[in-house]
Protein backbone atom coordinates (compact mmCIF):
# COMPACT_ATOMS: atom_id res chain seq x y z
CA MET A 1 81.89 -28.37 -100.90
CA LEU A 2 79.63 -27.01 -103.22
CA LYS A 3 75.97 -26.78 -102.95
CA PRO A 4 74.00 -29.43 -105.15
CA ALA A 5 72.09 -27.05 -107.43
CA LEU A 6 75.59 -25.51 -108.08
CA ARG A 7 76.93 -28.60 -108.83
CA ALA A 8 74.11 -29.67 -111.24
CA SER A 9 74.66 -26.50 -113.07
CA LEU A 10 78.29 -27.40 -113.58
CA LEU A 11 78.30 -30.81 -114.96
CA ALA A 12 80.99 -31.11 -117.88
CA THR A 13 81.22 -32.24 -121.40
CA VAL A 14 83.56 -34.89 -122.31
CA ALA A 15 83.70 -36.51 -125.98
CA ALA A 16 83.94 -40.19 -126.41
CA ILE A 17 87.39 -41.29 -126.97
CA VAL A 18 87.72 -44.65 -128.70
CA MET A 19 91.04 -46.12 -129.57
CA SER A 20 92.17 -49.17 -131.30
CA GLY A 21 94.48 -51.29 -129.66
CA PRO A 22 94.63 -54.71 -127.13
CA VAL A 23 93.34 -54.51 -123.79
CA ARG A 24 95.70 -53.75 -121.31
CA ALA A 25 95.85 -56.77 -118.73
CA GLN A 26 94.52 -54.97 -115.47
CA THR A 27 95.75 -55.61 -111.84
CA SER A 28 93.84 -54.61 -108.54
CA GLN A 29 95.15 -52.12 -106.69
CA PRO A 30 93.78 -49.60 -103.76
CA ILE A 31 91.16 -46.84 -104.44
CA ARG A 32 92.82 -44.24 -101.82
CA PRO A 33 96.29 -43.92 -103.55
CA TRP A 34 94.58 -43.81 -106.92
CA LEU A 35 92.27 -40.68 -105.67
CA GLU A 36 95.08 -39.21 -103.86
CA ASN A 37 96.90 -38.78 -107.03
CA HIS A 38 94.05 -37.25 -109.15
CA PHE A 39 93.45 -34.46 -106.40
CA GLN A 40 97.25 -34.39 -106.11
CA ALA A 41 96.97 -33.21 -109.72
CA VAL A 42 94.39 -31.01 -109.28
CA GLY A 43 96.02 -28.85 -106.82
CA GLN A 44 99.15 -28.76 -108.69
CA SER A 45 97.41 -27.25 -111.73
CA CYS A 46 96.89 -24.37 -109.63
CA ASN A 47 100.35 -24.20 -107.45
CA PRO A 48 103.02 -26.57 -108.08
CA ASP A 49 104.04 -26.78 -104.41
CA PHE A 50 100.49 -28.48 -103.61
CA ARG A 51 101.17 -31.64 -102.21
CA LYS A 52 99.84 -33.04 -98.71
CA ARG A 53 101.32 -33.42 -95.63
CA ASN A 54 102.56 -36.83 -94.23
CA SER A 55 99.63 -37.80 -92.41
CA GLY A 56 97.39 -35.77 -94.05
CA THR A 57 95.11 -36.21 -97.40
CA VAL A 58 94.28 -34.35 -100.36
CA ILE A 59 90.84 -35.83 -100.86
CA PRO A 60 88.36 -33.65 -100.17
CA ARG A 61 85.93 -34.13 -97.47
CA ASP A 62 82.44 -34.64 -99.45
CA VAL A 63 84.53 -36.48 -101.43
CA ARG A 64 85.54 -38.74 -98.38
CA GLU A 65 82.08 -38.62 -97.13
CA LEU A 66 80.48 -39.84 -100.25
CA LEU A 67 82.84 -42.98 -100.42
CA GLY A 68 83.20 -43.75 -97.06
CA ALA A 69 84.38 -47.38 -96.79
CA ARG A 70 84.92 -47.56 -100.35
CA LEU A 71 88.45 -45.79 -99.90
CA GLY A 72 89.58 -48.87 -98.31
CA GLU A 73 88.58 -51.39 -101.58
CA ASN A 74 90.57 -52.28 -103.96
CA ALA A 75 89.72 -51.51 -108.15
CA PHE A 76 90.82 -52.79 -111.11
CA VAL A 77 92.12 -49.04 -112.58
CA TYR A 78 92.03 -48.37 -116.41
CA ASP A 79 93.78 -44.89 -116.39
CA ARG A 80 93.45 -42.82 -119.21
CA ASP A 81 90.22 -44.48 -119.90
CA SER A 82 86.95 -42.69 -120.23
CA LEU A 83 83.97 -44.85 -119.13
CA ASN A 84 83.06 -44.51 -122.75
CA ARG A 85 86.28 -45.82 -123.90
CA TYR A 86 86.53 -48.66 -121.26
CA PHE A 87 82.49 -49.57 -122.43
CA ALA A 88 83.87 -50.03 -126.18
CA ARG A 89 86.09 -52.95 -125.26
CA VAL A 90 85.15 -56.32 -126.43
CA TYR A 91 86.43 -59.47 -124.81
CA ARG A 92 86.39 -63.21 -125.69
CA ARG A 93 85.53 -66.17 -122.80
CA GLN A 94 88.62 -68.39 -122.79
CA ASN A 95 89.71 -70.98 -120.02
CA GLY A 96 87.44 -69.71 -117.58
CA GLY A 97 88.48 -65.95 -117.97
CA ILE A 98 88.39 -63.25 -120.28
CA VAL A 99 90.63 -61.73 -123.03
CA GLY A 100 90.25 -58.61 -125.04
CA VAL A 101 90.02 -59.20 -128.66
CA GLY A 102 89.96 -57.02 -131.92
CA ASN A 103 89.72 -53.48 -131.99
CA PRO A 104 87.01 -51.64 -129.48
CA LEU A 105 83.82 -50.93 -130.66
CA GLY A 106 83.36 -47.62 -132.45
CA MET A 107 80.57 -46.40 -130.84
CA PRO A 108 79.51 -43.21 -132.82
CA TYR A 109 78.79 -40.85 -129.49
CA SER A 110 76.70 -37.75 -130.32
CA HIS A 111 77.77 -34.20 -129.03
CA ALA A 112 74.82 -34.56 -126.71
CA SER A 113 75.73 -38.25 -125.26
CA GLY A 114 76.79 -39.21 -121.50
CA VAL A 115 77.70 -42.35 -119.57
CA ILE A 116 74.44 -43.65 -118.04
CA VAL A 117 74.42 -43.76 -114.13
CA ASP A 118 71.76 -45.95 -112.56
CA GLY A 119 71.49 -43.40 -109.43
CA ASP A 120 70.82 -39.63 -108.61
CA VAL A 121 73.87 -37.89 -110.28
CA ASP A 122 73.36 -35.11 -107.80
CA THR A 123 73.96 -37.40 -104.59
CA LEU A 124 76.69 -39.53 -106.24
CA THR A 125 78.95 -36.95 -108.11
CA ARG A 126 81.19 -34.31 -106.84
CA GLN A 127 83.24 -31.72 -108.40
CA ASN A 128 86.38 -30.13 -106.70
CA ASN A 129 88.94 -27.39 -107.64
CA CYS A 130 91.80 -25.72 -105.99
CA THR A 131 89.00 -23.46 -104.06
CA THR A 132 87.23 -26.26 -103.06
CA LEU A 133 89.99 -28.37 -102.05
CA LEU A 134 91.99 -25.33 -100.21
CA SER A 135 88.63 -24.26 -98.55
CA ALA A 136 87.93 -27.64 -97.18
CA ASN A 137 91.17 -28.94 -96.21
CA ALA A 138 93.87 -25.86 -95.97
CA ASP A 139 94.31 -25.81 -92.33
CA THR A 140 95.05 -29.71 -91.78
CA SER A 141 96.21 -31.08 -94.88
CA PHE A 142 98.16 -29.14 -97.23
CA ASN A 143 101.77 -27.94 -96.93
CA LEU A 144 101.13 -24.52 -98.30
CA ASN A 145 102.02 -21.32 -96.74
CA LEU A 146 99.70 -18.04 -96.82
CA ALA A 147 101.57 -16.69 -99.86
CA GLY A 148 100.89 -20.09 -101.75
CA VAL A 149 97.67 -20.90 -100.75
CA ARG A 150 96.92 -17.09 -101.97
CA ALA A 151 98.29 -18.38 -105.02
CA ALA A 152 96.30 -21.43 -105.45
CA LEU A 153 93.08 -19.61 -104.74
CA SER A 154 94.14 -16.80 -107.61
CA ALA A 155 94.79 -19.60 -110.14
CA ALA A 156 91.76 -21.50 -109.45
CA ALA A 157 89.58 -18.37 -109.84
CA THR A 158 91.17 -16.78 -113.24
CA SER A 159 93.41 -19.26 -114.44
CA ARG A 160 92.70 -21.20 -117.91
CA THR A 161 95.34 -24.12 -116.83
CA SER A 162 93.61 -25.05 -113.36
CA GLN A 163 92.16 -28.12 -113.55
CA THR A 164 88.69 -29.11 -111.90
CA ALA A 165 87.87 -32.69 -110.97
CA LEU A 166 84.34 -34.31 -111.47
CA LEU A 167 84.02 -37.84 -109.94
CA TYR A 168 81.29 -40.03 -109.80
CA SER A 169 80.95 -43.20 -107.64
CA GLY A 170 78.08 -45.80 -108.22
CA GLU A 171 76.77 -48.00 -111.03
CA MET A 172 77.53 -46.75 -114.70
CA ILE A 173 75.93 -48.31 -117.53
CA SER A 174 77.26 -49.02 -121.05
CA PRO A 175 75.77 -46.81 -123.55
CA VAL A 176 75.87 -49.59 -126.00
CA ALA A 177 74.25 -51.89 -123.76
CA ALA A 178 71.61 -49.46 -123.02
CA ALA A 179 70.95 -48.78 -126.44
CA VAL A 180 70.53 -52.30 -128.04
CA GLY A 181 68.44 -53.49 -124.82
CA ALA A 182 70.96 -55.34 -123.13
CA TYR A 183 70.83 -53.98 -119.61
CA GLY A 184 67.84 -54.67 -117.88
CA THR A 185 64.60 -52.92 -118.65
CA LEU A 186 66.27 -50.15 -119.91
CA THR A 187 65.20 -50.34 -123.67
CA ASP A 188 64.30 -46.90 -124.55
CA ALA A 189 67.00 -44.38 -126.36
CA PRO A 190 69.59 -43.35 -123.91
CA PRO A 191 69.93 -39.66 -124.05
CA GLY A 192 72.36 -38.56 -126.72
CA ILE A 193 72.59 -42.28 -128.17
CA ASP A 194 71.06 -43.05 -131.60
CA ARG A 195 69.84 -46.86 -131.31
CA PHE A 196 70.36 -47.47 -134.74
CA SER A 197 74.21 -46.11 -134.30
CA ALA A 198 74.33 -48.57 -131.57
CA TRP A 199 73.51 -51.60 -133.96
CA LEU A 200 75.74 -50.48 -136.56
CA SER A 201 78.55 -49.96 -134.45
CA ILE A 202 78.43 -54.10 -133.70
CA TRP A 203 78.09 -54.65 -137.17
CA TRP A 204 80.73 -52.72 -138.27
CA TRP A 205 82.79 -54.19 -136.07
CA TYR A 206 82.11 -57.11 -137.37
CA LEU A 207 82.46 -56.18 -141.11
CA THR A 208 85.97 -55.00 -140.30
CA GLN A 209 87.25 -57.83 -138.40
CA PRO A 210 85.37 -60.65 -140.24
CA THR A 211 87.59 -63.28 -138.74
CA LEU A 212 85.73 -62.65 -135.47
CA VAL A 213 82.54 -63.78 -136.70
CA GLU A 214 81.62 -66.54 -134.56
CA PRO A 215 80.30 -69.97 -136.18
CA GLY A 216 76.46 -71.08 -135.25
CA GLU A 217 75.82 -69.96 -131.80
CA ALA A 218 79.24 -69.82 -129.96
CA GLY A 219 78.12 -66.66 -128.00
CA GLU A 220 81.93 -66.53 -126.78
CA LEU A 221 82.09 -62.56 -127.21
CA GLU A 222 81.17 -60.07 -124.68
CA ILE A 223 81.12 -56.49 -123.51
CA ALA A 224 80.38 -54.90 -120.11
CA SER A 225 76.49 -54.26 -119.67
CA HIS A 226 77.50 -51.92 -116.44
CA ILE A 227 80.24 -51.90 -113.63
CA ASP A 228 80.12 -50.93 -110.21
CA GLY A 229 82.83 -48.25 -109.44
CA LEU A 230 84.27 -44.90 -109.54
CA ALA A 231 85.29 -42.50 -112.41
CA VAL A 232 87.30 -39.36 -112.39
CA TYR A 233 87.27 -36.95 -115.37
CA ARG A 234 90.17 -34.15 -114.87
CA TYR A 235 89.16 -30.84 -117.06
CA VAL A 236 91.21 -27.45 -117.49
CA GLY A 237 89.94 -24.41 -118.31
CA LEU A 238 87.10 -24.10 -115.72
CA SER A 239 88.17 -21.47 -113.58
CA GLN A 240 86.30 -20.65 -110.20
CA MET A 241 85.04 -17.38 -111.81
CA ALA A 242 83.33 -19.10 -114.75
CA MET A 243 81.72 -21.33 -112.29
CA LEU A 244 80.31 -18.76 -109.98
CA GLU A 245 79.18 -16.77 -113.37
CA GLY A 246 77.48 -19.94 -114.64
CA SER A 247 77.09 -19.18 -118.35
CA THR A 248 75.46 -22.14 -120.40
CA ASN A 249 77.06 -21.55 -123.68
CA VAL A 250 79.56 -24.42 -124.13
CA ALA A 251 78.80 -26.83 -126.96
CA GLY A 252 78.88 -30.14 -125.02
CA SER A 253 77.30 -32.45 -122.69
CA VAL A 254 76.85 -33.79 -119.35
CA PRO A 255 79.15 -37.24 -118.89
CA PHE A 256 76.62 -38.52 -116.37
CA LEU A 257 73.18 -38.87 -117.08
CA SER A 258 70.83 -40.87 -114.60
CA VAL A 259 68.17 -43.19 -115.98
CA ARG A 260 65.92 -42.72 -112.96
CA ALA A 261 65.01 -38.99 -113.84
CA ALA A 262 65.24 -38.33 -110.37
CA GLY A 263 68.68 -36.37 -110.74
CA THR A 264 68.90 -33.10 -111.64
CA GLY A 265 72.62 -33.41 -113.24
CA GLN A 266 71.80 -31.71 -116.52
CA GLY A 267 73.83 -28.29 -116.75
CA GLN A 268 76.60 -27.38 -118.92
CA TRP A 269 79.60 -25.44 -118.00
CA GLY A 270 79.81 -21.96 -119.83
CA VAL A 271 83.38 -22.02 -120.74
CA ASP A 272 85.69 -23.83 -123.30
CA THR A 273 87.08 -26.99 -121.38
CA ARG A 274 89.14 -29.52 -122.79
CA ALA A 275 89.74 -33.19 -120.59
CA ALA A 276 93.11 -33.30 -119.04
CA ASP A 277 92.68 -36.89 -117.82
CA PHE A 278 90.27 -39.61 -117.37
CA SER A 279 90.38 -43.08 -114.66
CA VAL A 280 88.12 -45.66 -114.40
CA ALA A 281 88.02 -47.84 -111.43
CA VAL A 282 86.06 -50.75 -111.73
CA VAL A 283 85.09 -52.74 -108.40
CA GLN A 284 82.55 -55.17 -109.96
CA ARG A 285 82.13 -55.76 -113.87
CA PHE A 286 78.78 -57.21 -115.14
CA PRO A 287 79.04 -58.83 -118.84
CA THR A 288 76.45 -59.32 -121.63
CA ASN A 289 77.38 -61.10 -124.86
CA LEU A 290 78.18 -59.02 -127.89
CA PRO A 291 75.07 -59.10 -129.98
CA LYS A 292 75.69 -61.73 -132.83
CA PRO A 293 75.46 -60.64 -136.79
CA SER A 294 71.84 -62.49 -136.89
CA VAL A 295 70.52 -60.37 -133.96
CA VAL A 296 71.86 -57.32 -135.88
CA ILE A 297 70.22 -58.62 -139.13
CA SER A 298 67.03 -58.98 -136.97
CA ASP A 299 66.79 -55.79 -134.82
CA ALA A 300 68.65 -52.98 -136.80
CA PRO A 301 66.45 -52.26 -139.76
CA ALA A 302 63.26 -51.34 -137.41
CA LEU A 303 65.81 -48.50 -136.51
CA ALA A 304 66.70 -46.95 -139.53
CA ARG A 305 65.37 -43.67 -140.92
CA PHE A 306 65.71 -42.43 -144.40
CA THR A 307 64.41 -39.28 -145.04
CA ALA A 308 63.83 -37.65 -148.66
CA ALA A 309 66.06 -34.81 -149.20
CA PRO A 310 63.98 -31.44 -149.67
CA THR A 311 65.60 -31.24 -152.87
CA ASN A 312 63.98 -34.10 -154.51
CA LYS A 313 61.69 -33.58 -157.74
CA GLN A 314 58.50 -33.91 -156.62
CA ALA A 315 56.71 -34.75 -160.01
CA ILE A 316 57.86 -36.78 -163.50
CA GLU A 317 57.57 -34.70 -166.41
CA ASP A 318 58.85 -37.12 -168.84
CA GLY A 319 60.06 -40.57 -168.75
CA SER A 320 64.22 -39.30 -168.55
CA PRO A 321 65.85 -40.49 -165.85
CA LEU A 322 66.57 -38.27 -162.66
CA ASP A 323 68.47 -38.45 -159.45
CA LEU A 324 66.99 -38.71 -156.15
CA THR A 325 68.75 -38.19 -152.73
CA TYR A 326 67.93 -39.72 -149.35
CA VAL A 327 69.76 -39.21 -145.94
CA LEU A 328 70.01 -41.90 -143.23
CA GLY A 329 70.66 -41.13 -139.91
CA GLY A 330 72.85 -42.51 -137.63
CA VAL A 331 75.61 -43.38 -139.56
CA PRO A 332 79.06 -41.49 -138.88
CA SER A 333 81.51 -40.52 -141.82
CA ASN A 334 83.72 -43.51 -141.33
CA TYR A 335 80.62 -45.65 -141.74
CA CYS A 336 79.55 -43.88 -144.83
CA VAL A 337 81.79 -45.74 -147.26
CA GLN A 338 81.19 -46.45 -150.57
CA SER A 339 82.67 -49.78 -151.18
CA ARG A 340 80.92 -51.18 -147.90
CA TRP A 341 77.23 -50.41 -149.28
CA ASN A 342 75.35 -51.68 -152.42
CA LEU A 343 71.77 -51.76 -153.82
CA LYS A 344 70.29 -55.17 -153.32
CA PRO A 345 69.35 -56.58 -157.18
CA GLU A 346 65.39 -56.56 -157.27
CA GLU A 347 62.98 -55.78 -160.09
CA ALA A 348 60.71 -52.92 -160.08
CA PRO A 349 57.63 -53.79 -159.58
CA SER A 350 54.63 -52.36 -162.00
CA GLY A 351 54.28 -48.71 -160.91
CA HIS A 352 57.79 -48.23 -159.39
CA ALA A 353 60.51 -46.39 -160.80
CA ALA A 354 63.60 -48.65 -161.67
CA ILE A 355 66.46 -47.70 -159.17
CA SER A 356 70.25 -48.06 -160.22
CA ASN A 357 73.54 -46.36 -159.58
CA LEU A 358 74.07 -45.77 -155.69
CA ARG A 359 76.07 -42.97 -154.63
CA LEU A 360 77.47 -41.86 -151.16
CA GLN A 361 78.83 -39.30 -149.49
CA PRO A 362 78.67 -38.00 -145.34
CA GLY A 363 76.12 -35.98 -144.57
CA ASP A 364 75.59 -33.57 -141.32
CA ASN A 365 75.10 -34.56 -137.89
CA ASN A 366 76.03 -38.37 -138.29
CA SER A 367 74.12 -39.16 -141.55
CA CYS A 368 74.59 -41.04 -144.71
CA VAL A 369 73.54 -39.36 -148.15
CA PHE A 370 72.06 -41.74 -150.45
CA THR A 371 71.81 -40.31 -154.30
CA VAL A 372 70.43 -43.06 -156.75
CA THR A 373 69.32 -42.76 -160.34
CA ALA A 374 65.38 -43.51 -160.93
CA ILE A 375 64.04 -44.51 -164.11
CA PRO A 376 60.31 -43.84 -164.47
CA PRO A 377 57.99 -46.50 -166.13
CA ALA A 378 57.76 -46.12 -169.92
CA THR A 379 54.27 -44.81 -169.56
CA ALA A 380 52.20 -42.61 -167.71
CA GLN A 381 50.85 -44.34 -164.60
CA ALA A 382 47.12 -44.35 -164.72
CA GLU A 383 46.66 -43.26 -160.86
CA GLY A 384 49.07 -40.34 -161.86
CA ARG A 385 51.73 -41.58 -159.27
CA VAL A 386 55.23 -43.22 -159.35
CA ARG A 387 56.51 -45.02 -156.49
CA VAL A 388 60.12 -44.78 -155.24
CA GLY A 389 61.88 -47.45 -153.17
CA PHE A 390 65.10 -49.67 -152.55
CA THR A 391 66.96 -51.69 -150.73
CA VAL A 392 70.88 -51.06 -149.44
CA GLN A 393 72.52 -54.02 -148.05
CA VAL A 394 76.11 -54.02 -146.25
CA PRO A 395 77.72 -57.65 -146.42
CA ILE A 396 80.41 -58.78 -144.05
CA THR A 397 82.94 -59.90 -146.81
CA GLY A 398 85.23 -62.53 -145.64
CA ALA A 399 82.79 -64.14 -143.19
CA ALA A 400 81.74 -67.68 -143.21
CA ASN A 401 78.04 -67.61 -145.18
CA THR A 402 78.87 -63.71 -145.96
CA PRO A 403 75.99 -62.30 -143.36
CA THR A 404 74.27 -59.23 -145.25
CA LEU A 405 72.35 -56.42 -143.37
CA VAL A 406 69.75 -55.48 -145.44
CA LEU A 407 67.64 -52.09 -145.20
CA PRO A 408 65.00 -51.66 -147.14
CA THR A 409 64.03 -47.68 -147.69
CA PRO A 410 60.15 -46.62 -147.12
CA GLN A 411 58.09 -46.37 -150.06
CA TRP A 412 58.09 -42.50 -151.75
CA THR A 413 55.60 -41.29 -154.60
CA LEU A 414 56.30 -39.05 -157.32
CA ALA A 415 53.47 -37.17 -159.35
CA ASP A 416 53.47 -38.45 -162.58
CA ASN A 417 52.36 -35.13 -164.62
CA ARG A 418 52.52 -37.74 -167.66
CA ALA A 419 49.28 -39.02 -166.37
CA ALA A 420 47.80 -35.36 -166.64
CA ILE A 421 47.48 -36.35 -170.28
CA SER A 422 45.63 -39.55 -171.48
CA LEU A 423 43.73 -41.24 -174.14
CA LEU A 424 39.95 -42.26 -173.39
CA PRO A 425 38.95 -45.72 -174.98
CA THR A 426 37.75 -45.65 -178.65
CA SER A 427 34.01 -45.39 -178.93
CA ALA A 428 34.33 -47.84 -182.05
CA GLY A 429 33.36 -51.16 -180.76
CA ALA A 430 35.10 -54.35 -181.99
CA GLY A 431 35.19 -54.76 -185.47
CA SER A 432 35.25 -57.18 -188.00
CA TYR A 433 37.62 -57.41 -190.98
CA GLN A 434 38.26 -60.04 -193.85
CA LEU A 435 41.57 -60.21 -195.10
CA PRO A 436 42.07 -60.88 -198.96
CA GLU A 437 44.21 -64.11 -199.57
CA THR A 438 46.27 -61.52 -201.67
CA LEU A 439 46.46 -58.19 -202.72
CA SER A 440 45.22 -58.42 -206.13
CA ILE A 441 45.17 -55.27 -208.40
CA GLY A 442 42.07 -52.94 -207.36
CA VAL A 443 41.88 -55.15 -203.96
CA ALA A 444 42.97 -53.27 -200.92
CA SER A 445 43.91 -54.43 -197.56
CA PRO A 446 41.17 -53.10 -194.80
CA VAL A 447 41.71 -49.88 -192.98
CA LEU A 448 41.33 -49.48 -188.90
CA GLN A 449 39.58 -45.95 -188.77
CA LEU A 450 39.86 -45.36 -184.95
CA SER A 451 39.93 -41.84 -182.93
CA TRP A 452 40.64 -41.28 -179.17
CA PRO A 453 39.69 -38.56 -177.06
CA VAL A 454 42.29 -36.72 -175.21
CA ARG A 455 41.97 -36.48 -171.64
CA GLU A 456 44.33 -32.99 -170.15
CA ARG A 457 43.95 -32.96 -166.38
CA LEU A 458 45.98 -29.86 -165.71
CA GLU A 459 45.06 -26.41 -167.28
CA ASN A 460 48.87 -26.06 -167.78
CA ARG A 461 49.33 -29.24 -169.50
CA LYS A 462 47.70 -28.95 -173.08
CA THR A 463 48.51 -31.22 -175.98
CA SER A 464 49.79 -29.39 -179.10
CA GLY A 465 49.98 -32.34 -181.43
CA VAL A 466 51.00 -36.14 -181.95
CA GLU A 467 54.82 -37.57 -183.02
CA SER A 468 54.15 -40.29 -185.73
CA GLY A 469 58.03 -41.24 -185.58
CA GLN A 470 58.39 -41.05 -182.09
CA SER A 471 55.37 -43.53 -181.54
CA ALA A 472 54.97 -47.27 -181.63
CA LEU A 473 52.35 -49.55 -182.01
CA THR A 474 51.68 -53.12 -181.95
CA TRP A 475 50.03 -55.85 -183.85
CA THR A 476 48.95 -59.41 -181.63
CA CYS A 477 46.55 -61.77 -183.16
CA GLY A 478 45.77 -65.25 -181.94
CA GLU A 479 48.71 -67.02 -180.56
CA SER A 480 51.19 -65.24 -182.96
CA ALA A 481 54.16 -63.26 -181.39
CA PRO A 482 53.57 -59.59 -181.40
CA ARG A 483 54.60 -57.46 -184.45
CA SER A 484 55.06 -53.77 -185.17
CA ALA A 485 52.52 -51.71 -186.84
CA THR A 486 53.77 -49.55 -189.60
CA ILE A 487 52.19 -46.10 -189.74
CA PRO A 488 51.91 -44.72 -193.12
CA VAL A 489 52.54 -40.91 -193.82
CA GLY A 490 49.91 -39.30 -192.70
CA GLY A 491 48.10 -41.91 -190.99
CA LEU A 492 48.15 -40.26 -187.61
CA GLY A 493 46.92 -37.26 -186.64
CA TRP A 494 45.84 -34.67 -184.10
CA SER A 495 43.06 -31.88 -183.92
CA ARG A 496 41.19 -30.06 -181.23
CA THR A 497 37.73 -28.66 -181.40
CA GLY A 498 37.23 -25.75 -178.78
CA PRO A 499 38.58 -27.26 -175.30
CA ASP A 500 38.52 -30.91 -176.83
CA ALA A 501 41.80 -32.84 -178.27
CA ALA A 502 41.55 -36.14 -180.28
CA VAL A 503 43.96 -38.40 -181.80
CA ALA A 504 42.94 -39.96 -185.06
CA LEU A 505 44.26 -43.04 -186.85
CA ASN A 506 44.36 -44.70 -190.50
CA LEU A 507 45.81 -47.93 -190.12
CA PRO A 508 45.71 -50.41 -192.72
CA ILE A 509 45.82 -54.07 -191.59
CA PRO A 510 48.56 -56.08 -193.09
CA ILE A 511 46.60 -59.24 -195.20
CA ASP A 512 49.39 -61.65 -193.30
CA LEU A 513 48.03 -60.79 -189.81
CA ALA A 514 45.97 -64.28 -190.35
CA PRO A 515 47.37 -67.04 -191.96
CA ALA A 516 45.46 -68.11 -195.00
CA SER A 517 42.43 -70.09 -195.30
CA THR A 518 41.57 -68.80 -191.63
CA VAL A 519 37.74 -69.29 -191.65
CA ASP A 520 36.90 -68.94 -188.08
CA PRO A 521 37.52 -65.43 -186.78
CA VAL A 522 40.95 -64.79 -184.89
CA GLU A 523 40.86 -62.08 -182.06
CA CYS A 524 43.54 -59.29 -182.70
CA ARG A 525 44.44 -56.33 -181.01
CA LEU A 526 46.30 -53.27 -181.09
CA ASP A 527 48.55 -51.86 -178.59
CA GLY A 528 51.50 -49.23 -177.98
CA ALA A 529 51.97 -45.65 -177.17
CA LEU A 530 51.94 -42.46 -178.81
CA ARG A 531 54.58 -39.50 -178.56
CA MET A 532 52.53 -36.21 -177.76
CA THR A 533 53.90 -32.83 -177.46
CA VAL A 534 52.84 -30.56 -174.85
CA GLN A 535 52.65 -26.68 -174.80
CA GLY A 536 55.04 -25.19 -172.75
CA ALA A 537 56.67 -28.62 -171.48
CA PRO A 538 58.34 -31.52 -172.29
CA ALA A 539 56.93 -34.06 -174.87
CA VAL A 540 55.16 -36.88 -172.96
CA THR A 541 54.55 -40.92 -174.15
CA VAL A 542 50.62 -41.54 -173.67
CA GLU A 543 49.71 -45.28 -173.48
CA LEU A 544 47.23 -46.20 -176.02
CA PRO A 545 43.99 -47.87 -175.18
CA THR A 546 43.89 -51.62 -176.44
CA TYR A 547 41.56 -52.05 -179.38
CA THR A 548 40.55 -55.40 -179.85
CA PHE A 549 39.01 -56.17 -183.18
CA PHE A 550 38.61 -59.88 -185.21
CA VAL A 551 39.89 -61.15 -188.86
CA THR A 552 39.53 -63.68 -191.19
CA ARG A 553 41.11 -64.90 -194.41
CA PRO A 554 38.92 -67.53 -196.33
CA PRO A 555 40.29 -68.61 -199.28
CA VAL A 556 39.39 -67.23 -202.72
CA ALA A 557 36.16 -69.36 -204.11
CA THR A 558 37.11 -71.13 -207.51
CA ALA A 559 34.35 -71.66 -210.10
CA PRO A 560 33.78 -75.46 -210.73
CA ARG A 561 35.52 -76.85 -213.65
CA GLN A 562 32.73 -77.28 -216.49
CA SER A 563 32.48 -80.81 -218.22
CA LEU A 564 33.06 -81.27 -221.97
CA PRO A 565 29.97 -82.35 -223.93
């Protein structure tokens, strides 16, 4: 038997094995023969002649002391099942019993994940290989001669094919149940288990099997919350020499993690080990409801973690569309499927970029990379920033009412460098203009003569001119619909006096801006945007401060007729 401290440094890693297929029917069987077979296999990995005497046992003494009377109990044995695979199975309550239904949950365990136990890992776990088996039992139980014992010890010390068995006896908790808060008061994220991944794995179970979405609140589907029993994991490649050297460079994890924090079994084997066999013996199973889609919809969004890619642009230079990338953690590659995700249709609020063209690709470390096209608002934002945010959704197509998981992203901001340049309100007050009823010879339409100072907030963003052909102005008068304002040749200009720049506009007012015989003043306004060139940077569209004015268009006075004498 190994010392507890050494055992703690030798706990092994196991990848979660989750396979599809129906749940096999199980019958209760004695625990002792099941364990005898596992330890017999460990011994024979070092020497094919390794076997017990008729009256003996190959179960190590430390294991017999750990289990005591439990060796005489019966259990439901799941050969070739790791605990993670066992806990992934889904059942339906039916006729007073349960039947396996659908594929197992595709629980995305990370490389740092492990099966959780309710107890002290050190005191409830045992590790044995040929060396510990022979040292504990060789003189009483094994039918090996001296040469055979030496061969087995040598193989255990150096062979890459010798096996080591790790056994746990006690209460083992489903990582799925723990992650979604279905095991007692354990609501924090289990070690190595991403809580969002757990919820997403349940959603994906329904998504790929939409006919299993239950109507209403039927609640007939269940998973195991935890079990009382035993688990045996057998590994190949952990030699006794490697155990004694205790190096720690293996990429893997502890298969058993205590929820009580009293256990010190957090060590890792420092060699390349691989699983030879798994087996679970269930003495008692404790069920819990499989969360319904409505529960996933309610609880999962708060756990979604979107982060902006560091390669994203941090500022808007012009109104051109730009691609932005965001990463959602806890999404395995087989869930990062373009056809399953889409953007929720929504109008971009004021000051927000319009989002379109969602693209997906798997990222590193169980993540999904979302790339979208963001179209900035047409004009610079006065506050100097544009907000970016969107909502992705995953509908269960084929299920009644199409349940949909909706995941809103945070709101990010981009600096709006277009706002580094703006026009200040004109110093001209609201004017009043009288329009002629007709443009007779020698009668001219009045002209708006306006100028706006240019505000340049950044030293590297200085205007150099204004483009008449790319600017757009609009008249609006009274209740009439807005109409385009035509800028005449030479009517728009830019100038700089020292550090100060300004834009000047001479714009004739069309005589039909107000109806004929308009005696009372009508309020009108000039709006629009000017396209300004910038030194060393792209041209920017700058919003024109609204200019309000009043117009009248009285009828032409006619002289009274003279009566004939």
